[in-house]
């Protein structure tokens, strides 16, 4: 097994989560991930020499998503809650239900961000990528990464305040 294939297999859970976040749907996320993996594996150029394969994989997915958005108008969906189970031993059921509702509302608010802000925000917060990696993945300057993260946080804070989520 080549180094690229091995690294790709290791990265599938993170890449899947990122794809779900971008598309707002498990089905569309899986489709995006599958298309991106096929693209990565069928590349004619030798990618074994790439220094940061993690960033490269994220970049392929980001670019693939941008291409899909350009080709057709995409509906905005709520990001589905990826953890469907709660441990009733650790948490009160009412708290669990309330927490799940809040998560769904927050995912809905994240989907209200522009695609540029959303992809930068997801890479920084959910995927915990460095500014440098995000810069490489999205092919933008580090200053733009910082600006987008700051802008997305401000917009989300305003949306959360407007929605009344922070009042509970």
N, C-alpha and C. Protein backbone atom coordinates (compact mmCIF):
# COMPACT_ATOMS: atom_id res chain seq x y z
N UNK A 1 0.85 -1.18 0.00
CA UNK A 1 0.00 0.00 0.00
C UNK A 1 0.90 1.24 0.00
N UNK A 2 0.58 2.18 -0.86
CA UNK A 2 1.40 3.39 -0.95
C UNK A 2 1.18 4.28 0.27
N UNK A 3 2.13 5.16 0.49
CA UNK A 3 2.04 6.11 1.61
C UNK A 3 0.78 6.97 1.49
N UNK A 4 0.45 7.39 0.28
CA UNK A 4 -0.73 8.23 0.06
C UNK A 4 -2.00 7.49 0.44
N UNK A 5 -2.13 6.25 -0.01
CA UNK A 5 -3.32 5.46 0.32
C UNK A 5 -3.42 5.21 1.82
N UNK A 6 -2.28 4.92 2.44
CA UNK A 6 -2.27 4.68 3.88
C UNK A 6 -2.70 5.93 4.64
N UNK A 7 -2.15 7.08 4.27
CA UNK A 7 -2.49 8.34 4.92
C UNK A 7 -3.96 8.68 4.68
N UNK A 8 -4.43 8.42 3.47
CA UNK A 8 -5.82 8.70 3.13
C UNK A 8 -6.76 7.86 4.00
N UNK A 9 -6.45 6.59 4.18
CA UNK A 9 -7.27 5.71 5.03
C UNK A 9 -7.30 6.22 6.47
N UNK A 10 -6.16 6.71 6.97
CA UNK A 10 -6.11 7.25 8.33
C UNK A 10 -6.97 8.50 8.47
N UNK A 11 -7.05 9.28 7.40
CA UNK A 11 -7.72 10.58 7.44
C UNK A 11 -9.23 10.52 7.15
N UNK A 12 -9.74 9.38 6.72
CA UNK A 12 -11.15 9.29 6.30
C UNK A 12 -12.12 9.83 7.36
N UNK A 13 -12.00 9.49 8.64
CA UNK A 13 -12.98 10.04 9.60
C UNK A 13 -12.98 11.57 9.67
N UNK A 14 -11.80 12.18 9.66
CA UNK A 14 -11.73 13.65 9.70
C UNK A 14 -12.24 14.25 8.39
N UNK A 15 -11.88 13.64 7.28
CA UNK A 15 -12.33 14.15 5.98
C UNK A 15 -13.84 14.01 5.83
N UNK A 16 -14.37 12.93 6.36
CA UNK A 16 -15.83 12.72 6.32
C UNK A 16 -16.54 13.80 7.14
N UNK A 17 -16.02 14.07 8.33
CA UNK A 17 -16.62 15.10 9.19
C UNK A 17 -16.58 16.46 8.49
N UNK A 18 -15.47 16.76 7.86
CA UNK A 18 -15.34 18.04 7.14
C UNK A 18 -16.32 18.09 5.96
N UNK A 19 -16.45 17.00 5.24
CA UNK A 19 -17.39 16.94 4.11
C UNK A 19 -18.82 17.13 4.59
N UNK A 20 -19.18 16.51 5.71
CA UNK A 20 -20.52 16.68 6.28
C UNK A 20 -20.74 18.15 6.63
N UNK A 21 -19.74 18.74 7.24
CA UNK A 21 -19.86 20.14 7.63
C UNK A 21 -20.06 21.07 6.46
N UNK A 22 -19.32 20.82 5.38
CA UNK A 22 -19.46 21.67 4.20
C UNK A 22 -20.83 21.54 3.55
N UNK A 23 -21.29 20.30 3.41
CA UNK A 23 -22.53 20.06 2.67
C UNK A 23 -23.77 20.20 3.55
N UNK A 24 -23.61 19.99 4.86
CA UNK A 24 -24.75 20.06 5.75
C UNK A 24 -25.61 18.82 5.72
N UNK A 25 -25.09 17.75 5.13
CA UNK A 25 -25.88 16.54 4.98
C UNK A 25 -24.95 15.33 4.97
N UNK A 26 -25.35 14.27 5.62
CA UNK A 26 -24.53 13.06 5.64
C UNK A 26 -24.44 12.48 4.23
N UNK A 27 -25.58 12.37 3.54
CA UNK A 27 -25.57 11.78 2.19
C UNK A 27 -24.72 12.60 1.22
N UNK A 28 -24.93 13.91 1.21
CA UNK A 28 -24.16 14.77 0.31
C UNK A 28 -22.69 14.80 0.72
N UNK A 29 -22.44 14.73 2.02
CA UNK A 29 -21.06 14.69 2.51
C UNK A 29 -20.34 13.44 2.06
N UNK A 30 -21.04 12.31 2.15
CA UNK A 30 -20.44 11.05 1.69
C UNK A 30 -20.18 11.09 0.18
N UNK A 31 -21.11 11.67 -0.57
CA UNK A 31 -20.91 11.81 -2.02
C UNK A 31 -19.69 12.68 -2.32
N UNK A 32 -19.59 13.80 -1.62
CA UNK A 32 -18.45 14.70 -1.81
C UNK A 32 -17.15 13.99 -1.46
N UNK A 33 -17.13 13.28 -0.35
CA UNK A 33 -15.93 12.57 0.08
C UNK A 33 -15.55 11.50 -0.94
N UNK A 34 -16.53 10.74 -1.40
CA UNK A 34 -16.25 9.68 -2.38
C UNK A 34 -15.69 10.28 -3.66
N UNK A 35 -16.31 11.33 -4.17
CA UNK A 35 -15.81 11.97 -5.39
C UNK A 35 -14.38 12.48 -5.20
N UNK A 36 -14.11 13.05 -4.03
CA UNK A 36 -12.79 13.59 -3.75
C UNK A 36 -11.74 12.49 -3.63
N UNK A 37 -12.11 11.39 -2.99
CA UNK A 37 -11.17 10.27 -2.86
C UNK A 37 -10.86 9.68 -4.23
N UNK A 38 -11.86 9.54 -5.06
CA UNK A 38 -11.64 9.04 -6.43
C UNK A 38 -10.69 9.98 -7.16
N UNK A 39 -10.90 11.28 -7.00
CA UNK A 39 -10.04 12.27 -7.64
C UNK A 39 -8.60 12.13 -7.14
N UNK A 40 -8.44 11.98 -5.83
CA UNK A 40 -7.10 11.85 -5.25
C UNK A 40 -6.39 10.61 -5.78
N UNK A 41 -7.11 9.49 -5.78
CA UNK A 41 -6.50 8.22 -6.18
C UNK A 41 -6.25 8.12 -7.68
N UNK A 42 -6.98 8.89 -8.47
CA UNK A 42 -6.81 8.80 -9.92
C UNK A 42 -5.91 9.89 -10.49
N UNK A 43 -5.30 10.67 -9.62
CA UNK A 43 -4.43 11.75 -10.10
C UNK A 43 -3.23 11.14 -10.82
N UNK A 44 -2.94 11.73 -11.97
CA UNK A 44 -1.82 11.24 -12.76
C UNK A 44 -0.48 11.69 -12.20
N UNK A 45 -0.46 12.86 -11.59
CA UNK A 45 0.82 13.34 -11.06
C UNK A 45 1.18 12.60 -9.79
N UNK A 46 2.45 12.56 -9.52
CA UNK A 46 2.95 11.87 -8.34
C UNK A 46 2.74 12.75 -7.12
N UNK A 47 1.86 12.33 -6.21
CA UNK A 47 1.60 13.14 -5.02
C UNK A 47 2.38 12.66 -3.80
N UNK A 48 3.24 11.68 -4.01
CA UNK A 48 4.07 11.17 -2.90
C UNK A 48 5.05 12.21 -2.40
N UNK A 49 5.37 13.20 -3.22
CA UNK A 49 6.35 14.21 -2.83
C UNK A 49 5.73 15.39 -2.08
N UNK A 50 4.42 15.42 -1.93
CA UNK A 50 3.74 16.52 -1.25
C UNK A 50 4.07 16.47 0.24
N UNK A 51 4.50 17.60 0.79
CA UNK A 51 4.93 17.66 2.18
C UNK A 51 3.79 17.44 3.17
N UNK A 52 2.66 18.11 2.95
CA UNK A 52 1.56 18.06 3.91
C UNK A 52 0.34 17.41 3.24
N UNK A 53 0.28 16.09 3.33
CA UNK A 53 -0.83 15.37 2.70
C UNK A 53 -2.17 15.71 3.34
N UNK A 54 -2.17 15.96 4.66
CA UNK A 54 -3.42 16.33 5.34
C UNK A 54 -4.03 17.56 4.67
N UNK A 55 -3.24 18.60 4.54
CA UNK A 55 -3.72 19.84 3.92
C UNK A 55 -4.14 19.59 2.48
N UNK A 56 -3.39 18.75 1.79
CA UNK A 56 -3.69 18.45 0.39
C UNK A 56 -5.06 17.78 0.27
N UNK A 57 -5.35 16.81 1.14
CA UNK A 57 -6.64 16.13 1.10
C UNK A 57 -7.79 17.10 1.37
N UNK A 58 -7.63 17.94 2.39
CA UNK A 58 -8.66 18.94 2.70
C UNK A 58 -8.85 19.89 1.52
N UNK A 59 -7.76 20.26 0.89
CA UNK A 59 -7.82 21.19 -0.24
C UNK A 59 -8.60 20.58 -1.41
N UNK A 60 -8.38 19.31 -1.69
CA UNK A 60 -9.12 18.62 -2.76
C UNK A 60 -10.61 18.65 -2.46
N UNK A 61 -10.98 18.35 -1.21
CA UNK A 61 -12.39 18.35 -0.83
C UNK A 61 -12.97 19.76 -0.94
N UNK A 62 -12.24 20.76 -0.44
CA UNK A 62 -12.72 22.15 -0.52
C UNK A 62 -12.92 22.58 -1.96
N UNK A 63 -11.96 22.28 -2.81
CA UNK A 63 -12.06 22.67 -4.21
C UNK A 63 -13.18 21.91 -4.92
N UNK A 64 -13.32 20.63 -4.59
CA UNK A 64 -14.40 19.83 -5.17
C UNK A 64 -15.76 20.41 -4.78
N UNK A 65 -15.91 20.83 -3.52
CA UNK A 65 -17.15 21.43 -3.05
C UNK A 65 -17.42 22.75 -3.76
N UNK A 66 -16.39 23.58 -3.91
CA UNK A 66 -16.55 24.85 -4.61
C UNK A 66 -17.00 24.62 -6.05
N UNK A 67 -16.43 23.61 -6.70
CA UNK A 67 -16.83 23.28 -8.07
C UNK A 67 -18.29 22.86 -8.13
N UNK A 68 -18.71 22.06 -7.16
CA UNK A 68 -20.11 21.61 -7.12
C UNK A 68 -21.05 22.80 -6.90
N UNK A 69 -20.65 23.73 -6.06
CA UNK A 69 -21.47 24.92 -5.81
C UNK A 69 -21.61 25.77 -7.06
N UNK A 70 -20.53 25.86 -7.82
CA UNK A 70 -20.57 26.66 -9.05
C UNK A 70 -21.48 26.02 -10.09
N UNK A 71 -21.49 24.68 -10.13
CA UNK A 71 -22.26 23.97 -11.15
C UNK A 71 -23.76 24.03 -10.91
N UNK A 72 -24.14 24.08 -9.66
CA UNK A 72 -25.58 24.11 -9.37
C UNK A 72 -25.82 24.88 -8.08
N UNK A 73 -26.99 25.43 -7.98
CA UNK A 73 -27.35 26.12 -6.75
C UNK A 73 -27.67 25.06 -5.71
N UNK A 74 -26.98 25.14 -4.59
CA UNK A 74 -27.12 24.13 -3.54
C UNK A 74 -28.04 24.67 -2.45
N UNK A 75 -28.99 23.84 -2.03
CA UNK A 75 -29.87 24.21 -0.93
C UNK A 75 -29.07 24.15 0.37
N UNK A 76 -29.47 24.95 1.33
CA UNK A 76 -28.82 24.92 2.64
C UNK A 76 -29.61 23.98 3.54
N UNK A 77 -28.90 23.07 4.16
CA UNK A 77 -29.51 22.10 5.06
C UNK A 77 -28.94 22.27 6.45
N UNK A 78 -29.67 21.79 7.42
CA UNK A 78 -29.12 21.73 8.76
C UNK A 78 -28.06 20.64 8.80
N UNK A 79 -26.98 20.89 9.52
CA UNK A 79 -26.00 19.83 9.71
C UNK A 79 -26.60 18.88 10.73
N UNK A 80 -26.61 17.61 10.40
CA UNK A 80 -27.22 16.64 11.29
C UNK A 80 -26.32 16.37 12.49
N UNK A 81 -26.95 16.07 13.59
CA UNK A 81 -26.19 15.75 14.79
C UNK A 81 -25.54 14.38 14.58
N UNK A 82 -24.20 14.34 14.61
CA UNK A 82 -23.48 13.13 14.28
C UNK A 82 -23.41 12.15 15.45
N UNK A 83 -23.70 12.60 16.64
CA UNK A 83 -23.72 11.67 17.77
C UNK A 83 -25.17 11.51 18.20
N UNK A 84 -25.74 10.41 17.83
CA UNK A 84 -27.16 10.19 18.08
C UNK A 84 -27.44 9.50 19.41
N UNK A 85 -26.40 9.22 20.16
CA UNK A 85 -26.63 8.50 21.42
C UNK A 85 -26.24 9.35 22.61
N UNK A 86 -26.96 9.20 23.67
CA UNK A 86 -26.66 9.87 24.93
C UNK A 86 -26.55 8.82 26.00
N UNK A 87 -25.66 9.03 26.92
CA UNK A 87 -25.51 8.13 28.04
C UNK A 87 -26.40 8.64 29.17
N UNK A 88 -27.47 7.92 29.43
CA UNK A 88 -28.40 8.37 30.47
C UNK A 88 -27.81 8.20 31.86
N UNK A 89 -26.72 7.44 31.95
CA UNK A 89 -26.06 7.30 33.25
C UNK A 89 -25.36 8.59 33.64
N UNK A 90 -24.81 9.29 32.65
CA UNK A 90 -24.01 10.48 32.92
C UNK A 90 -24.82 11.77 32.87
N UNK A 91 -25.93 11.76 32.21
CA UNK A 91 -26.63 13.01 31.96
C UNK A 91 -28.13 12.81 32.08
N UNK A 92 -28.80 13.76 32.61
CA UNK A 92 -30.25 13.72 32.71
C UNK A 92 -30.85 13.75 31.31
N UNK A 93 -31.90 12.97 31.08
CA UNK A 93 -32.51 12.88 29.76
C UNK A 93 -32.99 14.24 29.26
N UNK A 94 -33.59 15.06 30.12
CA UNK A 94 -34.04 16.40 29.71
C UNK A 94 -32.86 17.27 29.27
N UNK A 95 -31.75 17.17 30.00
CA UNK A 95 -30.55 17.91 29.61
C UNK A 95 -30.04 17.43 28.26
N UNK A 96 -30.10 16.12 28.04
CA UNK A 96 -29.64 15.55 26.77
C UNK A 96 -30.48 16.06 25.61
N UNK A 97 -31.78 16.08 25.80
CA UNK A 97 -32.68 16.56 24.74
C UNK A 97 -32.43 18.04 24.49
N UNK A 98 -32.31 18.82 25.54
CA UNK A 98 -32.03 20.25 25.41
C UNK A 98 -30.70 20.48 24.70
N UNK A 99 -29.71 19.72 25.07
CA UNK A 99 -28.39 19.83 24.45
C UNK A 99 -28.46 19.51 22.95
N UNK A 100 -29.19 18.47 22.62
CA UNK A 100 -29.33 18.07 21.21
C UNK A 100 -30.03 19.17 20.42
N UNK A 101 -31.07 19.77 20.99
CA UNK A 101 -31.78 20.87 20.32
C UNK A 101 -30.84 22.05 20.08
N UNK A 102 -30.04 22.38 21.10
CA UNK A 102 -29.09 23.49 20.96
C UNK A 102 -28.07 23.20 19.88
N UNK A 103 -27.57 21.96 19.83
CA UNK A 103 -26.60 21.58 18.81
C UNK A 103 -27.20 21.75 17.41
N UNK A 104 -28.44 21.30 17.26
CA UNK A 104 -29.09 21.43 15.95
C UNK A 104 -29.27 22.89 15.56
N UNK A 105 -29.65 23.73 16.53
CA UNK A 105 -29.80 25.16 16.24
C UNK A 105 -28.46 25.78 15.86
N UNK A 106 -27.41 25.40 16.58
CA UNK A 106 -26.08 25.95 16.26
C UNK A 106 -25.65 25.50 14.88
N UNK A 107 -25.88 24.24 14.54
CA UNK A 107 -25.54 23.76 13.19
C UNK A 107 -26.31 24.53 12.13
N UNK A 108 -27.57 24.82 12.43
CA UNK A 108 -28.39 25.60 11.50
C UNK A 108 -27.79 27.00 11.32
N UNK A 109 -27.36 27.61 12.40
CA UNK A 109 -26.77 28.94 12.34
C UNK A 109 -25.43 28.92 11.60
N UNK A 110 -24.65 27.87 11.78
CA UNK A 110 -23.39 27.74 11.03
C UNK A 110 -23.67 27.69 9.54
N UNK A 111 -24.74 27.00 9.16
CA UNK A 111 -25.11 26.91 7.74
C UNK A 111 -25.54 28.24 7.16
N UNK A 112 -25.88 29.21 8.02
CA UNK A 112 -26.25 30.53 7.53
C UNK A 112 -25.05 31.38 7.14
N UNK A 113 -23.85 30.94 7.54
CA UNK A 113 -22.63 31.66 7.14
C UNK A 113 -22.38 31.47 5.65
N UNK A 114 -21.66 32.40 5.05
CA UNK A 114 -21.28 32.24 3.65
C UNK A 114 -20.37 31.02 3.54
N UNK A 115 -20.25 30.46 2.35
CA UNK A 115 -19.40 29.27 2.15
C UNK A 115 -17.96 29.53 2.57
N UNK A 116 -17.42 30.71 2.25
CA UNK A 116 -16.04 31.04 2.64
C UNK A 116 -15.87 31.05 4.15
N UNK A 117 -16.80 31.70 4.84
CA UNK A 117 -16.72 31.76 6.30
C UNK A 117 -16.93 30.38 6.92
N UNK A 118 -17.90 29.64 6.38
CA UNK A 118 -18.23 28.32 6.93
C UNK A 118 -17.04 27.37 6.79
N UNK A 119 -16.43 27.29 5.61
CA UNK A 119 -15.33 26.35 5.43
C UNK A 119 -14.14 26.72 6.31
N UNK A 120 -13.84 28.01 6.43
CA UNK A 120 -12.73 28.44 7.28
C UNK A 120 -13.04 28.14 8.74
N UNK A 121 -14.25 28.44 9.18
CA UNK A 121 -14.67 28.19 10.56
C UNK A 121 -14.61 26.71 10.90
N UNK A 122 -15.13 25.86 10.01
CA UNK A 122 -15.12 24.42 10.25
C UNK A 122 -13.70 23.86 10.36
N UNK A 123 -12.82 24.32 9.46
CA UNK A 123 -11.44 23.85 9.51
C UNK A 123 -10.76 24.27 10.81
N UNK A 124 -11.05 25.46 11.28
CA UNK A 124 -10.40 25.97 12.50
C UNK A 124 -10.98 25.34 13.76
N UNK A 125 -12.30 25.24 13.84
CA UNK A 125 -12.92 24.81 15.10
C UNK A 125 -13.17 23.31 15.18
N UNK A 126 -13.76 22.75 14.17
CA UNK A 126 -14.10 21.33 14.19
C UNK A 126 -12.89 20.47 13.87
N UNK A 127 -12.17 20.85 12.82
CA UNK A 127 -11.01 20.06 12.39
C UNK A 127 -9.72 20.45 13.11
N UNK A 128 -9.76 21.56 13.85
CA UNK A 128 -8.62 22.05 14.64
C UNK A 128 -7.34 22.16 13.82
N UNK A 129 -7.47 22.71 12.63
CA UNK A 129 -6.32 22.94 11.74
C UNK A 129 -5.67 24.27 12.10
N UNK A 130 -4.37 24.36 11.89
CA UNK A 130 -3.65 25.61 12.17
C UNK A 130 -3.98 26.63 11.08
N UNK A 131 -3.71 27.89 11.38
CA UNK A 131 -3.93 28.94 10.38
C UNK A 131 -3.13 28.65 9.11
N UNK A 132 -1.91 28.16 9.29
CA UNK A 132 -1.05 27.85 8.15
C UNK A 132 -1.68 26.76 7.28
N UNK A 133 -2.17 25.70 7.94
CA UNK A 133 -2.81 24.62 7.19
C UNK A 133 -4.07 25.11 6.46
N UNK A 134 -4.87 25.91 7.16
CA UNK A 134 -6.09 26.44 6.53
C UNK A 134 -5.72 27.30 5.33
N UNK A 135 -4.67 28.08 5.48
CA UNK A 135 -4.19 28.91 4.38
C UNK A 135 -3.82 28.05 3.17
N UNK A 136 -3.13 26.94 3.42
CA UNK A 136 -2.75 26.02 2.34
C UNK A 136 -3.97 25.34 1.73
N UNK A 137 -4.87 24.89 2.58
CA UNK A 137 -6.06 24.16 2.11
C UNK A 137 -6.93 25.04 1.23
N UNK A 138 -7.20 26.26 1.70
CA UNK A 138 -8.12 27.14 0.98
C UNK A 138 -7.40 28.05 -0.02
N UNK A 139 -6.07 27.98 -0.02
CA UNK A 139 -5.25 28.77 -0.93
C UNK A 139 -5.52 30.27 -0.77
N UNK A 140 -5.46 30.69 0.50
CA UNK A 140 -5.66 32.10 0.84
C UNK A 140 -4.57 32.51 1.82
N UNK A 141 -4.27 33.81 1.92
CA UNK A 141 -3.26 34.26 2.89
C UNK A 141 -3.70 34.01 4.34
N UNK A 142 -2.73 33.88 5.23
CA UNK A 142 -3.01 33.64 6.64
C UNK A 142 -3.84 34.79 7.23
N UNK A 143 -3.57 36.01 6.80
CA UNK A 143 -4.35 37.15 7.27
C UNK A 143 -5.82 37.02 6.93
N UNK A 144 -6.11 36.47 5.75
CA UNK A 144 -7.49 36.26 5.34
C UNK A 144 -8.12 35.16 6.20
N UNK A 145 -7.35 34.14 6.54
CA UNK A 145 -7.84 33.08 7.42
C UNK A 145 -8.26 33.69 8.76
N UNK A 146 -7.38 34.49 9.34
CA UNK A 146 -7.68 35.10 10.63
C UNK A 146 -8.90 36.01 10.53
N UNK A 147 -8.98 36.76 9.45
CA UNK A 147 -10.11 37.67 9.25
C UNK A 147 -11.42 36.89 9.13
N UNK A 148 -11.40 35.80 8.35
CA UNK A 148 -12.61 35.00 8.17
C UNK A 148 -13.05 34.34 9.48
N UNK A 149 -12.10 33.85 10.25
CA UNK A 149 -12.44 33.22 11.52
C UNK A 149 -13.06 34.25 12.46
N UNK A 150 -12.45 35.42 12.51
CA UNK A 150 -12.98 36.50 13.36
C UNK A 150 -14.38 36.89 12.90
N UNK A 151 -14.55 37.06 11.60
CA UNK A 151 -15.86 37.45 11.05
C UNK A 151 -16.91 36.37 11.32
N UNK A 152 -16.53 35.10 11.14
CA UNK A 152 -17.51 34.03 11.38
C UNK A 152 -17.92 33.97 12.85
N UNK A 153 -16.97 34.20 13.75
CA UNK A 153 -17.29 34.20 15.18
C UNK A 153 -18.23 35.35 15.52
N UNK A 154 -17.96 36.53 14.96
CA UNK A 154 -18.85 37.69 15.21
C UNK A 154 -20.25 37.41 14.69
N UNK A 155 -20.34 36.88 13.47
CA UNK A 155 -21.66 36.61 12.88
C UNK A 155 -22.40 35.54 13.67
N UNK A 156 -21.69 34.49 14.07
CA UNK A 156 -22.34 33.44 14.86
C UNK A 156 -22.80 33.96 16.20
N UNK A 157 -21.98 34.80 16.82
CA UNK A 157 -22.37 35.38 18.11
C UNK A 157 -23.65 36.21 17.96
N UNK A 158 -23.70 36.99 16.88
CA UNK A 158 -24.90 37.81 16.62
C UNK A 158 -26.11 36.92 16.34
N UNK A 159 -25.91 35.86 15.54
CA UNK A 159 -27.01 34.95 15.21
C UNK A 159 -27.50 34.21 16.45
N UNK A 160 -26.58 33.80 17.31
CA UNK A 160 -26.94 33.09 18.54
C UNK A 160 -27.71 34.03 19.46
N UNK A 161 -27.26 35.26 19.55
CA UNK A 161 -27.94 36.25 20.38
C UNK A 161 -29.35 36.52 19.83
N UNK A 162 -29.44 36.69 18.52
CA UNK A 162 -30.73 36.96 17.87
C UNK A 162 -31.69 35.78 18.06
N UNK A 163 -31.16 34.57 18.00
CA UNK A 163 -31.97 33.36 18.13
C UNK A 163 -32.36 33.09 19.58
N UNK A 164 -31.68 33.73 20.51
CA UNK A 164 -31.99 33.55 21.93
C UNK A 164 -31.36 32.31 22.54
N UNK A 165 -30.39 31.72 21.86
CA UNK A 165 -29.74 30.51 22.39
C UNK A 165 -28.94 30.78 23.65
N UNK A 166 -28.39 31.97 23.78
CA UNK A 166 -27.54 32.25 24.94
C UNK A 166 -28.34 32.67 26.18
N UNK A 167 -29.66 32.68 26.07
CA UNK A 167 -30.50 33.09 27.20
C UNK A 167 -30.81 31.94 28.15
N UNK A 168 -30.55 30.70 27.73
CA UNK A 168 -30.93 29.55 28.57
C UNK A 168 -29.92 29.27 29.61
